[in-house]
mmCIF file of all heavy atoms, coordinates in Angstrom:
data_MODEL
# 
_entry.id   MODEL 
# 
loop_
_atom_site.group_PDB 
_atom_site.id 
_atom_site.type_symbol 
_atom_site.label_atom_id 
_atom_site.label_alt_id 
_atom_site.label_comp_id 
_atom_site.label_asym_id 
_atom_site.label_entity_id 
_atom_site.label_seq_id 
_atom_site.pdbx_PDB_ins_code 
_atom_site.Cartn_x 
_atom_site.Cartn_y 
_atom_site.Cartn_z 
_atom_site.occupancy 
_atom_site.B_iso_or_equiv 
_atom_site.pdbx_formal_charge 
_atom_site.auth_seq_id 
_atom_site.auth_comp_id 
_atom_site.auth_asym_id 
_atom_site.auth_atom_id 
_atom_site.pdbx_PDB_model_num 
ATOM 1   N N   . LYS A 1 1  ? 88.814  99.850  86.118  1.00 0.00 ? 1  LYS A N   1 
ATOM 2   C CA  . LYS A 1 1  ? 89.412  100.923 86.952  1.00 0.00 ? 1  LYS A CA  1 
ATOM 3   C C   . LYS A 1 1  ? 90.891  100.620 87.097  1.00 0.00 ? 1  LYS A C   1 
ATOM 4   O O   . LYS A 1 1  ? 91.299  99.463  87.236  1.00 0.00 ? 1  LYS A O   1 
ATOM 5   C CB  . LYS A 1 1  ? 88.769  100.914 88.334  1.00 0.00 ? 1  LYS A CB  1 
ATOM 6   C CG  . LYS A 1 1  ? 87.280  101.324 88.330  1.00 0.00 ? 1  LYS A CG  1 
ATOM 7   C CD  . LYS A 1 1  ? 87.099  102.762 88.725  1.00 0.00 ? 1  LYS A CD  1 
ATOM 8   C CE  . LYS A 1 1  ? 85.718  103.280 88.448  1.00 0.00 ? 1  LYS A CE  1 
ATOM 9   N NZ  . LYS A 1 1  ? 84.715  102.765 89.305  1.00 0.00 ? 1  LYS A NZ  1 
ATOM 10  N N   . CYS A 1 2  ? 91.688  101.664 87.056  1.00 0.00 ? 2  CYS A N   1 
ATOM 11  C CA  . CYS A 1 2  ? 93.122  101.520 87.269  1.00 0.00 ? 2  CYS A CA  1 
ATOM 12  C C   . CYS A 1 2  ? 93.480  101.865 88.705  1.00 0.00 ? 2  CYS A C   1 
ATOM 13  O O   . CYS A 1 2  ? 92.829  102.732 89.292  1.00 0.00 ? 2  CYS A O   1 
ATOM 14  C CB  . CYS A 1 2  ? 93.910  102.477 86.345  1.00 0.00 ? 2  CYS A CB  1 
ATOM 15  S SG  . CYS A 1 2  ? 93.687  102.110 84.595  1.00 0.00 ? 2  CYS A SG  1 
ATOM 16  N N   . TYR A 1 3  ? 94.462  101.226 89.255  1.00 0.00 ? 3  TYR A N   1 
ATOM 17  C CA  . TYR A 1 3  ? 94.974  101.628 90.534  1.00 0.00 ? 3  TYR A CA  1 
ATOM 18  C C   . TYR A 1 3  ? 96.449  101.349 90.582  1.00 0.00 ? 3  TYR A C   1 
ATOM 19  O O   . TYR A 1 3  ? 96.990  100.616 89.736  1.00 0.00 ? 3  TYR A O   1 
ATOM 20  C CB  . TYR A 1 3  ? 94.208  101.035 91.696  1.00 0.00 ? 3  TYR A CB  1 
ATOM 21  C CG  . TYR A 1 3  ? 94.170  99.525  91.796  1.00 0.00 ? 3  TYR A CG  1 
ATOM 22  C CD1 . TYR A 1 3  ? 95.015  98.827  92.634  1.00 0.00 ? 3  TYR A CD1 1 
ATOM 23  C CD2 . TYR A 1 3  ? 93.251  98.786  91.045  1.00 0.00 ? 3  TYR A CD2 1 
ATOM 24  C CE1 . TYR A 1 3  ? 94.969  97.434  92.729  1.00 0.00 ? 3  TYR A CE1 1 
ATOM 25  C CE2 . TYR A 1 3  ? 93.208  97.411  91.146  1.00 0.00 ? 3  TYR A CE2 1 
ATOM 26  C CZ  . TYR A 1 3  ? 94.047  96.732  91.996  1.00 0.00 ? 3  TYR A CZ  1 
ATOM 27  O OH  . TYR A 1 3  ? 94.006  95.392  92.103  1.00 0.00 ? 3  TYR A OH  1 
ATOM 28  N N   . CYS A 1 4  ? 97.125  101.984 91.542  1.00 0.00 ? 4  CYS A N   1 
ATOM 29  C CA  . CYS A 1 4  ? 98.606  101.920 91.605  1.00 0.00 ? 4  CYS A CA  1 
ATOM 30  C C   . CYS A 1 4  ? 99.109  101.055 92.740  1.00 0.00 ? 4  CYS A C   1 
ATOM 31  O O   . CYS A 1 4  ? 98.441  100.810 93.704  1.00 0.00 ? 4  CYS A O   1 
ATOM 32  C CB  . CYS A 1 4  ? 99.136  103.336 91.758  1.00 0.00 ? 4  CYS A CB  1 
ATOM 33  S SG  . CYS A 1 4  ? 98.661  104.434 90.411  1.00 0.00 ? 4  CYS A SG  1 
ATOM 34  N N   . LEU A 1 5  ? 100.351 100.621 92.560  1.00 0.00 ? 5  LEU A N   1 
ATOM 35  C CA  . LEU A 1 5  ? 101.032 99.889  93.623  1.00 0.00 ? 5  LEU A CA  1 
ATOM 36  C C   . LEU A 1 5  ? 101.338 100.827 94.792  1.00 0.00 ? 5  LEU A C   1 
ATOM 37  O O   . LEU A 1 5  ? 101.332 102.054 94.631  1.00 0.00 ? 5  LEU A O   1 
ATOM 38  C CB  . LEU A 1 5  ? 102.356 99.303  93.090  1.00 0.00 ? 5  LEU A CB  1 
ATOM 39  C CG  . LEU A 1 5  ? 102.237 98.242  91.993  1.00 0.00 ? 5  LEU A CG  1 
ATOM 40  C CD1 . LEU A 1 5  ? 103.569 98.070  91.297  1.00 0.00 ? 5  LEU A CD1 1 
ATOM 41  C CD2 . LEU A 1 5  ? 101.747 96.929  92.567  1.00 0.00 ? 5  LEU A CD2 1 
ATOM 42  N N   . ASN A 1 6  ? 101.542 100.245 95.933  1.00 0.00 ? 6  ASN A N   1 
ATOM 43  C CA  . ASN A 1 6  ? 101.848 101.051 97.127  1.00 0.00 ? 6  ASN A CA  1 
ATOM 44  C C   . ASN A 1 6  ? 103.076 101.929 96.861  1.00 0.00 ? 6  ASN A C   1 
ATOM 45  O O   . ASN A 1 6  ? 104.034 101.492 96.279  1.00 0.00 ? 6  ASN A O   1 
ATOM 46  C CB  . ASN A 1 6  ? 102.085 100.135 98.326  1.00 0.00 ? 6  ASN A CB  1 
ATOM 47  C CG  . ASN A 1 6  ? 102.362 100.897 99.575  1.00 0.00 ? 6  ASN A CG  1 
ATOM 48  O OD1 . ASN A 1 6  ? 101.768 101.966 99.778  1.00 0.00 ? 6  ASN A OD1 1 
ATOM 49  N ND2 . ASN A 1 6  ? 103.245 100.414 100.410 1.00 0.00 ? 6  ASN A ND2 1 
ATOM 50  N N   . GLY A 1 7  ? 102.983 103.171 97.261  1.00 0.00 ? 7  GLY A N   1 
ATOM 51  C CA  . GLY A 1 7  ? 104.075 104.115 97.076  1.00 0.00 ? 7  GLY A CA  1 
ATOM 52  C C   . GLY A 1 7  ? 103.922 104.940 95.819  1.00 0.00 ? 7  GLY A C   1 
ATOM 53  O O   . GLY A 1 7  ? 104.775 105.773 95.512  1.00 0.00 ? 7  GLY A O   1 
ATOM 54  N N   . TYR A 1 8  ? 102.839 104.706 95.053  1.00 0.00 ? 8  TYR A N   1 
ATOM 55  C CA  . TYR A 1 8  ? 102.594 105.462 93.830  1.00 0.00 ? 8  TYR A CA  1 
ATOM 56  C C   . TYR A 1 8  ? 101.217 106.133 93.923  1.00 0.00 ? 8  TYR A C   1 
ATOM 57  O O   . TYR A 1 8  ? 100.341 105.696 94.642  1.00 0.00 ? 8  TYR A O   1 
ATOM 58  C CB  . TYR A 1 8  ? 102.595 104.510 92.607  1.00 0.00 ? 8  TYR A CB  1 
ATOM 59  C CG  . TYR A 1 8  ? 103.975 104.035 92.263  1.00 0.00 ? 8  TYR A CG  1 
ATOM 60  C CD1 . TYR A 1 8  ? 104.541 102.932 92.965  1.00 0.00 ? 8  TYR A CD1 1 
ATOM 61  C CD2 . TYR A 1 8  ? 104.725 104.667 91.300  1.00 0.00 ? 8  TYR A CD2 1 
ATOM 62  C CE1 . TYR A 1 8  ? 105.792 102.493 92.660  1.00 0.00 ? 8  TYR A CE1 1 
ATOM 63  C CE2 . TYR A 1 8  ? 106.013 104.234 91.004  1.00 0.00 ? 8  TYR A CE2 1 
ATOM 64  C CZ  . TYR A 1 8  ? 106.548 103.136 91.672  1.00 0.00 ? 8  TYR A CZ  1 
ATOM 65  O OH  . TYR A 1 8  ? 107.801 102.698 91.373  1.00 0.00 ? 8  TYR A OH  1 
ATOM 66  N N   . MET A 1 9  ? 101.097 107.211 93.172  1.00 0.00 ? 9  MET A N   1 
ATOM 67  C CA  . MET A 1 9  ? 99.878  107.974 93.154  1.00 0.00 ? 9  MET A CA  1 
ATOM 68  C C   . MET A 1 9  ? 99.235  107.929 91.802  1.00 0.00 ? 9  MET A C   1 
ATOM 69  O O   . MET A 1 9  ? 99.926  108.050 90.766  1.00 0.00 ? 9  MET A O   1 
ATOM 70  C CB  . MET A 1 9  ? 100.197 109.437 93.538  1.00 0.00 ? 9  MET A CB  1 
ATOM 71  C CG  . MET A 1 9  ? 98.997  110.297 93.760  1.00 0.00 ? 9  MET A CG  1 
ATOM 72  S SD  . MET A 1 9  ? 99.490  111.989 94.190  1.00 0.00 ? 9  MET A SD  1 
ATOM 73  C CE  . MET A 1 9  ? 100.322 111.730 95.706  1.00 0.00 ? 9  MET A CE  1 
ATOM 74  N N   . LEU A 1 10 ? 97.909  107.720 91.745  1.00 0.00 ? 10 LEU A N   1 
ATOM 75  C CA  . LEU A 1 10 ? 97.163  107.696 90.485  1.00 0.00 ? 10 LEU A CA  1 
ATOM 76  C C   . LEU A 1 10 ? 97.029  109.108 89.958  1.00 0.00 ? 10 LEU A C   1 
ATOM 77  O O   . LEU A 1 10 ? 96.495  109.970 90.606  1.00 0.00 ? 10 LEU A O   1 
ATOM 78  C CB  . LEU A 1 10 ? 95.785  107.021 90.668  1.00 0.00 ? 10 LEU A CB  1 
ATOM 79  C CG  . LEU A 1 10 ? 94.963  106.758 89.390  1.00 0.00 ? 10 LEU A CG  1 
ATOM 80  C CD1 . LEU A 1 10 ? 95.674  105.735 88.510  1.00 0.00 ? 10 LEU A CD1 1 
ATOM 81  C CD2 . LEU A 1 10 ? 93.573  106.314 89.731  1.00 0.00 ? 10 LEU A CD2 1 
ATOM 82  N N   . MET A 1 11 ? 97.500  109.334 88.751  1.00 0.00 ? 11 MET A N   1 
ATOM 83  C CA  . MET A 1 11 ? 97.411  110.641 88.131  1.00 0.00 ? 11 MET A CA  1 
ATOM 84  C C   . MET A 1 11 ? 96.157  110.743 87.276  1.00 0.00 ? 11 MET A C   1 
ATOM 85  O O   . MET A 1 11 ? 95.561  109.737 86.920  1.00 0.00 ? 11 MET A O   1 
ATOM 86  C CB  . MET A 1 11 ? 98.668  110.842 87.220  1.00 0.00 ? 11 MET A CB  1 
ATOM 87  C CG  . MET A 1 11 ? 99.998  110.686 87.955  1.00 0.00 ? 11 MET A CG  1 
ATOM 88  S SD  . MET A 1 11 ? 100.090 111.607 89.517  1.00 0.00 ? 11 MET A SD  1 
ATOM 89  C CE  . MET A 1 11 ? 100.468 113.245 88.889  1.00 0.00 ? 11 MET A CE  1 
ATOM 90  N N   . PRO A 1 12 ? 95.696  111.983 86.976  1.00 0.00 ? 12 PRO A N   1 
ATOM 91  C CA  . PRO A 1 12 ? 94.487  112.170 86.187  1.00 0.00 ? 12 PRO A CA  1 
ATOM 92  C C   . PRO A 1 12 ? 94.452  111.425 84.839  1.00 0.00 ? 12 PRO A C   1 
ATOM 93  O O   . PRO A 1 12 ? 93.400  111.016 84.358  1.00 0.00 ? 12 PRO A O   1 
ATOM 94  C CB  . PRO A 1 12 ? 94.403  113.698 85.957  1.00 0.00 ? 12 PRO A CB  1 
ATOM 95  C CG  . PRO A 1 12 ? 95.209  114.284 87.064  1.00 0.00 ? 12 PRO A CG  1 
ATOM 96  C CD  . PRO A 1 12 ? 96.294  113.274 87.342  1.00 0.00 ? 12 PRO A CD  1 
ATOM 97  N N   . ASP A 1 13 ? 95.659  111.207 84.233  1.00 0.00 ? 13 ASP A N   1 
ATOM 98  C CA  . ASP A 1 13 ? 95.688  110.521 82.934  1.00 0.00 ? 13 ASP A CA  1 
ATOM 99  C C   . ASP A 1 13 ? 95.741  108.988 83.094  1.00 0.00 ? 13 ASP A C   1 
ATOM 100 O O   . ASP A 1 13 ? 95.905  108.254 82.102  1.00 0.00 ? 13 ASP A O   1 
ATOM 101 C CB  . ASP A 1 13 ? 96.861  111.005 82.093  1.00 0.00 ? 13 ASP A CB  1 
ATOM 102 C CG  . ASP A 1 13 ? 98.240  110.689 82.714  1.00 0.00 ? 13 ASP A CG  1 
ATOM 103 O OD1 . ASP A 1 13 ? 98.250  110.164 83.859  1.00 0.00 ? 13 ASP A OD1 1 
ATOM 104 O OD2 . ASP A 1 13 ? 99.261  110.937 82.066  1.00 0.00 ? 13 ASP A OD2 1 
ATOM 105 N N   . GLY A 1 14 ? 95.635  108.477 84.327  1.00 0.00 ? 14 GLY A N   1 
ATOM 106 C CA  . GLY A 1 14 ? 95.621  107.021 84.567  1.00 0.00 ? 14 GLY A CA  1 
ATOM 107 C C   . GLY A 1 14 ? 96.980  106.443 84.810  1.00 0.00 ? 14 GLY A C   1 
ATOM 108 O O   . GLY A 1 14 ? 97.121  105.260 85.128  1.00 0.00 ? 14 GLY A O   1 
ATOM 109 N N   . THR A 1 15 ? 98.053  107.249 84.724  1.00 0.00 ? 15 THR A N   1 
ATOM 110 C CA  . THR A 1 15 ? 99.417  106.735 84.979  1.00 0.00 ? 15 THR A CA  1 
ATOM 111 C C   . THR A 1 15 ? 99.676  106.766 86.519  1.00 0.00 ? 15 THR A C   1 
ATOM 112 O O   . THR A 1 15 ? 98.915  107.369 87.265  1.00 0.00 ? 15 THR A O   1 
ATOM 113 C CB  . THR A 1 15 ? 100.473 107.584 84.248  1.00 0.00 ? 15 THR A CB  1 
ATOM 114 O OG1 . THR A 1 15 ? 100.398 108.930 84.692  1.00 0.00 ? 15 THR A OG1 1 
ATOM 115 C CG2 . THR A 1 15 ? 100.309 107.510 82.736  1.00 0.00 ? 15 THR A CG2 1 
ATOM 116 N N   . CYS A 1 16 ? 100.756 106.133 86.902  1.00 0.00 ? 16 CYS A N   1 
ATOM 117 C CA  . CYS A 1 16 ? 101.132 106.083 88.308  1.00 0.00 ? 16 CYS A CA  1 
ATOM 118 C C   . CYS A 1 16 ? 102.458 106.842 88.518  1.00 0.00 ? 16 CYS A C   1 
ATOM 119 O O   . CYS A 1 16 ? 103.429 106.542 87.826  1.00 0.00 ? 16 CYS A O   1 
ATOM 120 C CB  . CYS A 1 16 ? 101.279 104.634 88.771  1.00 0.00 ? 16 CYS A CB  1 
ATOM 121 S SG  . CYS A 1 16 ? 99.719  103.724 88.660  1.00 0.00 ? 16 CYS A SG  1 
ATOM 122 N N   . ALA A 1 17 ? 102.444 107.750 89.444  1.00 0.00 ? 17 ALA A N   1 
ATOM 123 C CA  . ALA A 1 17 ? 103.645 108.528 89.731  1.00 0.00 ? 17 ALA A CA  1 
ATOM 124 C C   . ALA A 1 17 ? 104.174 108.176 91.099  1.00 0.00 ? 17 ALA A C   1 
ATOM 125 O O   . ALA A 1 17 ? 103.392 108.012 92.034  1.00 0.00 ? 17 ALA A O   1 
ATOM 126 C CB  . ALA A 1 17 ? 103.347 110.033 89.649  1.00 0.00 ? 17 ALA A CB  1 
ATOM 127 N N   . SER A 1 18 ? 105.501 108.035 91.192  1.00 0.00 ? 18 SER A N   1 
ATOM 128 C CA  . SER A 1 18 ? 106.120 107.711 92.489  1.00 0.00 ? 18 SER A CA  1 
ATOM 129 C C   . SER A 1 18 ? 105.855 108.820 93.484  1.00 0.00 ? 18 SER A C   1 
ATOM 130 O O   . SER A 1 18 ? 105.948 110.017 93.143  1.00 0.00 ? 18 SER A O   1 
ATOM 131 C CB  . SER A 1 18 ? 107.620 107.516 92.285  1.00 0.00 ? 18 SER A CB  1 
ATOM 132 O OG  . SER A 1 18 ? 108.222 107.223 93.528  1.00 0.00 ? 18 SER A OG  1 
ATOM 133 N N   . SER A 1 19 ? 105.488 108.439 94.669  1.00 0.00 ? 19 SER A N   1 
ATOM 134 C CA  . SER A 1 19 ? 105.187 109.458 95.680  1.00 0.00 ? 19 SER A CA  1 
ATOM 135 C C   . SER A 1 19 ? 105.701 109.021 97.041  1.00 0.00 ? 19 SER A C   1 
ATOM 136 O O   . SER A 1 19 ? 105.351 107.963 97.544  1.00 0.00 ? 19 SER A O   1 
ATOM 137 C CB  . SER A 1 19 ? 103.658 109.662 95.753  1.00 0.00 ? 19 SER A CB  1 
ATOM 138 O OG  . SER A 1 19 ? 103.324 110.361 96.900  1.00 0.00 ? 19 SER A OG  1 
ATOM 139 N N   . ARG A 1 20 ? 106.541 109.858 97.602  1.00 0.00 ? 20 ARG A N   1 
ATOM 140 C CA  . ARG A 1 20 ? 107.137 109.557 98.938  1.00 0.00 ? 20 ARG A CA  1 
ATOM 141 C C   . ARG A 1 20 ? 106.021 109.531 99.970  1.00 0.00 ? 20 ARG A C   1 
ATOM 142 O O   . ARG A 1 20 ? 105.998 108.679 100.865 1.00 0.00 ? 20 ARG A O   1 
ATOM 143 C CB  . ARG A 1 20 ? 108.199 110.587 99.266  1.00 0.00 ? 20 ARG A CB  1 
ATOM 144 C CG  . ARG A 1 20 ? 109.183 110.148 100.336 1.00 0.00 ? 20 ARG A CG  1 
ATOM 145 C CD  . ARG A 1 20 ? 110.246 111.198 100.521 1.00 0.00 ? 20 ARG A CD  1 
ATOM 146 N NE  . ARG A 1 20 ? 109.713 112.464 101.035 1.00 0.00 ? 20 ARG A NE  1 
ATOM 147 C CZ  . ARG A 1 20 ? 109.404 112.673 102.347 1.00 0.00 ? 20 ARG A CZ  1 
ATOM 148 N NH1 . ARG A 1 20 ? 109.613 111.721 103.229 1.00 0.00 ? 20 ARG A NH1 1 
ATOM 149 N NH2 . ARG A 1 20 ? 108.966 113.832 102.731 1.00 0.00 ? 20 ARG A NH2 1 
ATOM 150 N N   . THR A 1 21 ? 105.078 110.460 99.835  1.00 0.00 ? 21 THR A N   1 
ATOM 151 C CA  . THR A 1 21 ? 103.985 110.569 100.829 1.00 0.00 ? 21 THR A CA  1 
ATOM 152 C C   . THR A 1 21 ? 103.085 109.331 100.729 1.00 0.00 ? 21 THR A C   1 
ATOM 153 O O   . THR A 1 21 ? 102.671 108.810 101.759 1.00 0.00 ? 21 THR A O   1 
ATOM 154 C CB  . THR A 1 21 ? 103.161 111.842 100.616 1.00 0.00 ? 21 THR A CB  1 
ATOM 155 O OG1 . THR A 1 21 ? 102.870 111.976 99.246  1.00 0.00 ? 21 THR A OG1 1 
ATOM 156 C CG2 . THR A 1 21 ? 103.864 113.068 101.140 1.00 0.00 ? 21 THR A CG2 1 
ATOM 157 N N   . CYS A 1 22 ? 102.825 108.821 99.502  1.00 0.00 ? 22 CYS A N   1 
ATOM 158 C CA  . CYS A 1 22 ? 101.995 107.629 99.362  1.00 0.00 ? 22 CYS A CA  1 
ATOM 159 C C   . CYS A 1 22 ? 102.673 106.435 99.977  1.00 0.00 ? 22 CYS A C   1 
ATOM 160 O O   . CYS A 1 22 ? 102.044 105.595 100.601 1.00 0.00 ? 22 CYS A O   1 
ATOM 161 C CB  . CYS A 1 22 ? 101.708 107.335 97.869  1.00 0.00 ? 22 CYS A CB  1 
ATOM 162 S SG  . CYS A 1 22 ? 100.201 108.091 97.278  1.00 0.00 ? 22 CYS A SG  1 
ATOM 163 N N   . ALA A 1 23 ? 103.957 106.330 99.786  1.00 0.00 ? 23 ALA A N   1 
ATOM 164 C CA  . ALA A 1 23 ? 104.748 105.237 100.336 1.00 0.00 ? 23 ALA A CA  1 
ATOM 165 C C   . ALA A 1 23 ? 104.671 105.220 101.852 1.00 0.00 ? 23 ALA A C   1 
ATOM 166 O O   . ALA A 1 23 ? 104.616 104.168 102.493 1.00 0.00 ? 23 ALA A O   1 
ATOM 167 C CB  . ALA A 1 23 ? 106.203 105.312 99.883  1.00 0.00 ? 23 ALA A CB  1 
ATOM 168 N N   . MET A 1 24 ? 104.622 106.399 102.452 1.00 0.00 ? 24 MET A N   1 
ATOM 169 C CA  . MET A 1 24 ? 104.582 106.504 103.920 1.00 0.00 ? 24 MET A CA  1 
ATOM 170 C C   . MET A 1 24 ? 103.218 106.093 104.438 1.00 0.00 ? 24 MET A C   1 
ATOM 171 O O   . MET A 1 24 ? 103.089 105.479 105.509 1.00 0.00 ? 24 MET A O   1 
ATOM 172 C CB  . MET A 1 24 ? 104.882 107.952 104.353 1.00 0.00 ? 24 MET A CB  1 
ATOM 173 C CG  . MET A 1 24 ? 106.386 108.293 104.252 1.00 0.00 ? 24 MET A CG  1 
ATOM 174 S SD  . MET A 1 24 ? 106.757 110.043 104.090 1.00 0.00 ? 24 MET A SD  1 
ATOM 175 C CE  . MET A 1 24 ? 105.947 110.727 105.496 1.00 0.00 ? 24 MET A CE  1 
ATOM 176 N N   . VAL A 1 25 ? 102.142 106.408 103.694 1.00 0.00 ? 25 VAL A N   1 
ATOM 177 C CA  . VAL A 1 25 ? 100.774 106.072 104.156 1.00 0.00 ? 25 VAL A CA  1 
ATOM 178 C C   . VAL A 1 25 ? 100.465 104.597 104.026 1.00 0.00 ? 25 VAL A C   1 
ATOM 179 O O   . VAL A 1 25 ? 99.712  104.033 104.784 1.00 0.00 ? 25 VAL A O   1 
ATOM 180 C CB  . VAL A 1 25 ? 99.716  106.933 103.386 1.00 0.00 ? 25 VAL A CB  1 
ATOM 181 C CG1 . VAL A 1 25 ? 98.308  106.588 103.791 1.00 0.00 ? 25 VAL A CG1 1 
ATOM 182 C CG2 . VAL A 1 25 ? 99.989  108.419 103.645 1.00 0.00 ? 25 VAL A CG2 1 
ATOM 183 N N   . ASN A 1 26 ? 101.092 103.893 103.033 1.00 0.00 ? 26 ASN A N   1 
ATOM 184 C CA  . ASN A 1 26 ? 100.928 102.468 102.826 1.00 0.00 ? 26 ASN A CA  1 
ATOM 185 C C   . ASN A 1 26 ? 99.468  102.085 102.453 1.00 0.00 ? 26 ASN A C   1 
ATOM 186 O O   . ASN A 1 26 ? 98.837  101.296 103.157 1.00 0.00 ? 26 ASN A O   1 
ATOM 187 C CB  . ASN A 1 26 ? 101.406 101.681 104.045 1.00 0.00 ? 26 ASN A CB  1 
ATOM 188 C CG  . ASN A 1 26 ? 101.618 100.217 103.756 1.00 0.00 ? 26 ASN A CG  1 
ATOM 189 O OD1 . ASN A 1 26 ? 101.770 99.827  102.609 1.00 0.00 ? 26 ASN A OD1 1 
ATOM 190 N ND2 . ASN A 1 26 ? 101.628 99.413  104.787 1.00 0.00 ? 26 ASN A ND2 1 
ATOM 191 N N   . CYS A 1 27 ? 98.958  102.675 101.375 1.00 0.00 ? 27 CYS A N   1 
ATOM 192 C CA  . CYS A 1 27 ? 97.579  102.399 100.911 1.00 0.00 ? 27 CYS A CA  1 
ATOM 193 C C   . CYS A 1 27 ? 97.539  101.082 100.117 1.00 0.00 ? 27 CYS A C   1 
ATOM 194 O O   . CYS A 1 27 ? 98.479  100.738 99.421  1.00 0.00 ? 27 CYS A O   1 
ATOM 195 C CB  . CYS A 1 27 ? 97.108  103.490 99.982  1.00 0.00 ? 27 CYS A CB  1 
ATOM 196 S SG  . CYS A 1 27 ? 96.978  105.123 100.745 1.00 0.00 ? 27 CYS A SG  1 
# 
């Protein structure tokens, strides 16, 4: 399974896209 660093969102193709909202939630 792939997962992303904090502040990034997992995209359907498995890549990680920078996301301001993800960075705020701190997953």
